[in-house]
Amino acid sequence: MHAATPSIAGRIGPNAITRVAQVLPARVGDDAAAALFDAAGLARYLREPPEQMVLEAEVRRLHETLRERLGIELAADVAQAAGEATGTYLLAHRIPKPLQAVLRRLPAWLAARVLLAAISRNAWTFVGSGHFSATAPGPRAAGVDLQIRANPLCVDQQAEAPACHFYAAVFERLFSTLVHPHSQVRETACEARGDDACRFEIRWR
């Protein structure tokens, strides 16, 4: 399964910014959160949260600033919490409740196929100019593999370990709710680490 061609090149949905703004104050305080957004040149988004697609460069700059100012561990915690909040938002506002009910009744492998088809159609909203693809699981599968190439959040970034905590948390929130409650996501390769793609393993056994 491959993502559709993005209709707005170089832009990403605002959740990668608004959910950081949502979870950050609880971890560093309101003043420090405001200072971080100001350092990233995005203070205006705290005053008026974006409702339309935002520039990839803005999202990348925010997450880079988090790592620089908070350190790798706390920045990862913020990104993971923001990803979980994004997944919760998508479940509440973007994925129709009747579809969610159907997915929960399906065998995990079949629910995963349906969910992946929906994710692939809308991948341009979270990978922007990057490219998303996924394996289509069969009846005996106990998981799926996802891949993002030319990940816009990894451009010019360097990390010693996989760093896409935001994406991993979004995927885990969706799959654990709609496919199998024991779904877990592990990023096995990351462009920020020098790998040729960001790869995610989702397993539910």
Protein backbone atom coordinates (compact mmCIF):
# COMPACT_ATOMS: atom_id res chain seq x y z
CA MET A 1 0.00 0.00 0.00
CA HIS A 2 1.37 3.39 -0.96
CA ALA A 3 0.29 6.88 0.02
CA ALA A 4 -1.54 9.07 -2.45
CA THR A 5 0.33 12.01 -3.93
CA PRO A 6 0.10 14.95 -1.51
CA SER A 7 -2.22 17.71 -2.65
CA ILE A 8 -0.39 20.39 -0.65
CA ALA A 9 3.33 19.75 -1.06
CA GLY A 10 5.58 20.69 1.82
CA ARG A 11 2.78 20.92 4.39
CA ILE A 12 1.58 18.75 7.27
CA GLY A 13 -1.58 18.69 9.36
CA PRO A 14 -1.47 21.02 12.38
CA ASN A 15 -1.65 18.26 15.02
CA ALA A 16 2.14 17.93 15.01
CA ILE A 17 2.18 21.45 16.47
CA THR A 18 -1.12 21.81 18.34
CA ARG A 19 -0.71 18.56 20.30
CA VAL A 20 2.78 19.58 21.38
CA ALA A 21 1.26 22.82 22.64
CA GLN A 22 -1.36 20.73 24.46
CA VAL A 23 1.02 18.41 26.33
CA LEU A 24 4.12 20.58 26.80
CA PRO A 25 2.98 22.89 29.66
CA ALA A 26 2.26 19.93 31.96
CA ARG A 27 5.89 18.85 31.60
CA VAL A 28 7.81 22.14 31.65
CA GLY A 29 5.32 24.79 32.79
CA ASP A 30 3.51 27.52 30.88
CA ASP A 31 6.42 29.98 30.79
CA ALA A 32 8.94 27.42 29.58
CA ALA A 33 6.49 26.16 26.96
CA ALA A 34 6.00 29.70 25.70
CA ALA A 35 9.78 30.21 25.59
CA LEU A 36 10.25 27.01 23.58
CA PHE A 37 7.64 28.00 21.01
CA ASP A 38 9.21 31.46 20.81
CA ALA A 39 12.66 29.93 20.26
CA ALA A 40 11.21 27.91 17.40
CA GLY A 41 9.69 31.08 15.91
CA LEU A 42 6.18 29.74 16.46
CA ALA A 43 4.89 31.82 19.38
CA ARG A 44 1.91 32.88 17.28
CA TYR A 45 0.63 29.30 17.31
CA LEU A 46 0.20 29.41 21.07
CA ARG A 47 -1.95 32.52 20.69
CA GLU A 48 -3.87 31.21 17.68
CA PRO A 49 -3.56 27.43 17.20
CA PRO A 50 -3.35 26.55 13.49
CA GLU A 51 -6.41 24.96 11.95
CA GLN A 52 -5.02 24.50 8.44
CA MET A 53 -1.99 22.66 7.07
CA VAL A 54 1.33 24.04 8.33
CA LEU A 55 4.77 24.13 6.75
CA GLU A 56 6.91 21.03 7.24
CA ALA A 57 9.80 23.29 8.17
CA GLU A 58 7.79 24.72 11.08
CA VAL A 59 7.04 21.29 12.50
CA ARG A 60 10.65 20.19 12.05
CA ARG A 61 11.90 23.37 13.73
CA LEU A 62 9.61 22.85 16.73
CA HIS A 63 10.68 19.25 17.31
CA GLU A 64 14.34 20.18 16.79
CA THR A 65 13.99 22.97 19.36
CA LEU A 66 12.47 20.52 21.84
CA ARG A 67 15.50 18.23 21.50
CA GLU A 68 17.96 21.10 21.80
CA ARG A 69 16.32 22.76 24.81
CA LEU A 70 14.91 19.76 26.71
CA GLY A 71 17.37 17.01 25.87
CA ILE A 72 16.69 13.76 24.03
CA GLU A 73 14.77 11.94 26.80
CA LEU A 74 12.30 14.67 27.74
CA ALA A 75 11.82 15.72 24.10
CA ALA A 76 10.98 12.10 23.27
CA ASP A 77 8.44 12.03 26.10
CA VAL A 78 6.80 15.21 24.78
CA ALA A 79 6.73 13.89 21.22
CA GLN A 80 5.22 10.59 22.36
CA ALA A 81 2.55 12.33 24.42
CA ALA A 82 1.76 14.62 21.47
CA GLY A 83 1.45 11.57 19.21
CA GLU A 84 -0.92 9.86 21.64
CA ALA A 85 -2.99 13.05 21.83
CA THR A 86 -3.06 13.21 18.04
CA GLY A 87 -4.32 9.64 17.85
CA THR A 88 -7.02 10.47 20.39
CA TYR A 89 -8.02 13.51 18.33
CA LEU A 90 -8.25 11.44 15.14
CA LEU A 91 -10.43 8.86 16.88
CA ALA A 92 -12.71 11.58 18.21
CA HIS A 93 -12.98 13.76 15.11
CA ARG A 94 -11.64 12.13 11.94
CA ILE A 95 -12.47 8.42 11.93
CA PRO A 96 -16.24 7.82 11.70
CA LYS A 97 -17.67 6.05 14.75
CA PRO A 98 -19.54 3.43 12.65
CA LEU A 99 -16.26 2.48 10.97
CA GLN A 100 -14.54 2.24 14.34
CA ALA A 101 -17.27 -0.12 15.55
CA VAL A 102 -16.86 -2.33 12.49
CA LEU A 103 -13.06 -2.46 12.82
CA ARG A 104 -13.26 -3.58 16.43
CA ARG A 105 -15.37 -6.56 15.40
CA LEU A 106 -13.08 -7.72 12.60
CA PRO A 107 -10.14 -10.12 12.95
CA ALA A 108 -7.03 -8.11 13.70
CA TRP A 109 -5.37 -8.77 10.32
CA LEU A 110 -8.47 -7.65 8.42
CA ALA A 111 -9.01 -4.59 10.61
CA ALA A 112 -5.36 -3.71 9.98
CA ARG A 113 -5.85 -3.91 6.22
CA VAL A 114 -8.86 -1.59 6.34
CA LEU A 115 -7.13 0.86 8.67
CA LEU A 116 -3.96 0.87 6.59
CA ALA A 117 -5.96 1.63 3.46
CA ALA A 118 -7.46 4.67 5.20
CA ILE A 119 -4.06 5.77 6.54
CA SER A 120 -2.49 5.42 3.10
CA ARG A 121 -5.19 7.55 1.47
CA ASN A 122 -4.58 10.31 3.99
CA ALA A 123 -0.85 9.91 4.50
CA TRP A 124 -0.12 13.22 2.77
CA THR A 125 -1.59 14.95 5.82
CA PHE A 126 1.17 13.65 8.09
CA VAL A 127 4.16 12.92 5.83
CA GLY A 128 3.80 15.95 3.57
CA SER A 129 6.40 15.66 0.83
CA GLY A 130 7.55 12.28 2.16
CA HIS A 131 6.34 8.87 0.99
CA PHE A 132 4.36 6.41 3.12
CA SER A 133 3.99 2.71 2.41
CA ALA A 134 2.83 -0.35 4.33
CA THR A 135 2.62 -4.10 4.01
CA ALA A 136 -0.87 -5.59 3.65
CA PRO A 137 -1.19 -8.34 6.28
CA GLY A 138 -2.67 -11.74 5.48
CA PRO A 139 -4.89 -13.96 7.68
CA ARG A 140 -1.95 -15.46 9.57
CA ALA A 141 -0.23 -12.13 10.21
CA ALA A 142 0.37 -10.89 13.73
CA GLY A 143 1.53 -7.47 12.69
CA VAL A 144 2.34 -5.03 9.92
CA ASP A 145 5.32 -2.97 8.79
CA LEU A 146 5.10 0.72 7.90
CA GLN A 147 7.66 2.91 6.17
CA ILE A 148 8.20 6.63 5.63
CA ARG A 149 10.79 7.70 3.06
CA ALA A 150 12.04 11.27 2.77
CA ASN A 151 10.55 11.89 6.21
CA PRO A 152 10.19 15.67 6.47
CA LEU A 153 10.79 15.62 10.23
CA CYS A 154 14.18 13.96 9.73
CA VAL A 155 15.62 16.32 7.13
CA ASP A 156 19.07 17.54 8.29
CA GLN A 157 18.54 15.83 11.66
CA GLN A 158 21.03 13.54 13.37
CA ALA A 159 20.28 11.02 16.09
CA GLU A 160 21.98 7.99 17.58
CA ALA A 161 18.70 6.10 17.93
CA PRO A 162 15.37 6.10 16.08
CA ALA A 163 13.74 9.45 16.81
CA CYS A 164 10.22 9.40 15.34
CA HIS A 165 8.42 9.10 18.68
CA PHE A 166 5.55 11.27 17.47
CA TYR A 167 4.69 9.01 14.53
CA ALA A 168 5.17 5.80 16.53
CA ALA A 169 2.76 7.01 19.22
CA VAL A 170 0.09 7.98 16.68
CA PHE A 171 0.27 4.54 15.06
CA GLU A 172 0.16 2.74 18.40
CA ARG A 173 -2.85 4.73 19.62
CA LEU A 174 -4.81 3.92 16.46
CA PHE A 175 -3.86 0.26 16.19
CA SER A 176 -4.34 -0.52 19.90
CA THR A 177 -7.82 1.01 19.74
CA LEU A 178 -9.05 -0.25 16.37
CA VAL A 179 -7.06 -3.38 15.54
CA HIS A 180 -5.85 -5.18 18.67
CA PRO A 181 -5.52 -3.91 22.27
CA HIS A 182 -2.03 -5.38 22.58
CA SER A 183 -0.65 -3.59 19.51
CA GLN A 184 2.83 -2.21 20.10
CA VAL A 185 4.95 -0.11 17.77
CA ARG A 186 8.74 -0.14 17.49
CA GLU A 187 10.72 2.06 15.14
CA THR A 188 13.49 -0.14 13.74
CA ALA A 189 15.16 2.29 11.34
CA CYS A 190 15.26 6.08 11.11
CA GLU A 191 16.56 8.51 8.53
CA ALA A 192 17.80 10.76 11.33
CA ARG A 193 20.15 7.90 12.25
CA GLY A 194 21.36 7.58 8.67
CA ASP A 195 19.05 4.75 7.58
CA ASP A 196 17.42 4.84 4.14
CA ALA A 197 13.89 5.11 5.59
CA CYS A 198 11.98 5.35 8.85
CA ARG A 199 10.49 1.90 9.50
CA PHE A 200 7.94 0.90 12.09
CA GLU A 201 7.01 -2.60 13.22
CA ILE A 202 3.51 -3.01 14.64
CA ARG A 203 2.93 -6.30 16.44
CA TRP A 204 -0.09 -7.53 18.39
CA ARG A 205 1.17 -10.83 19.78
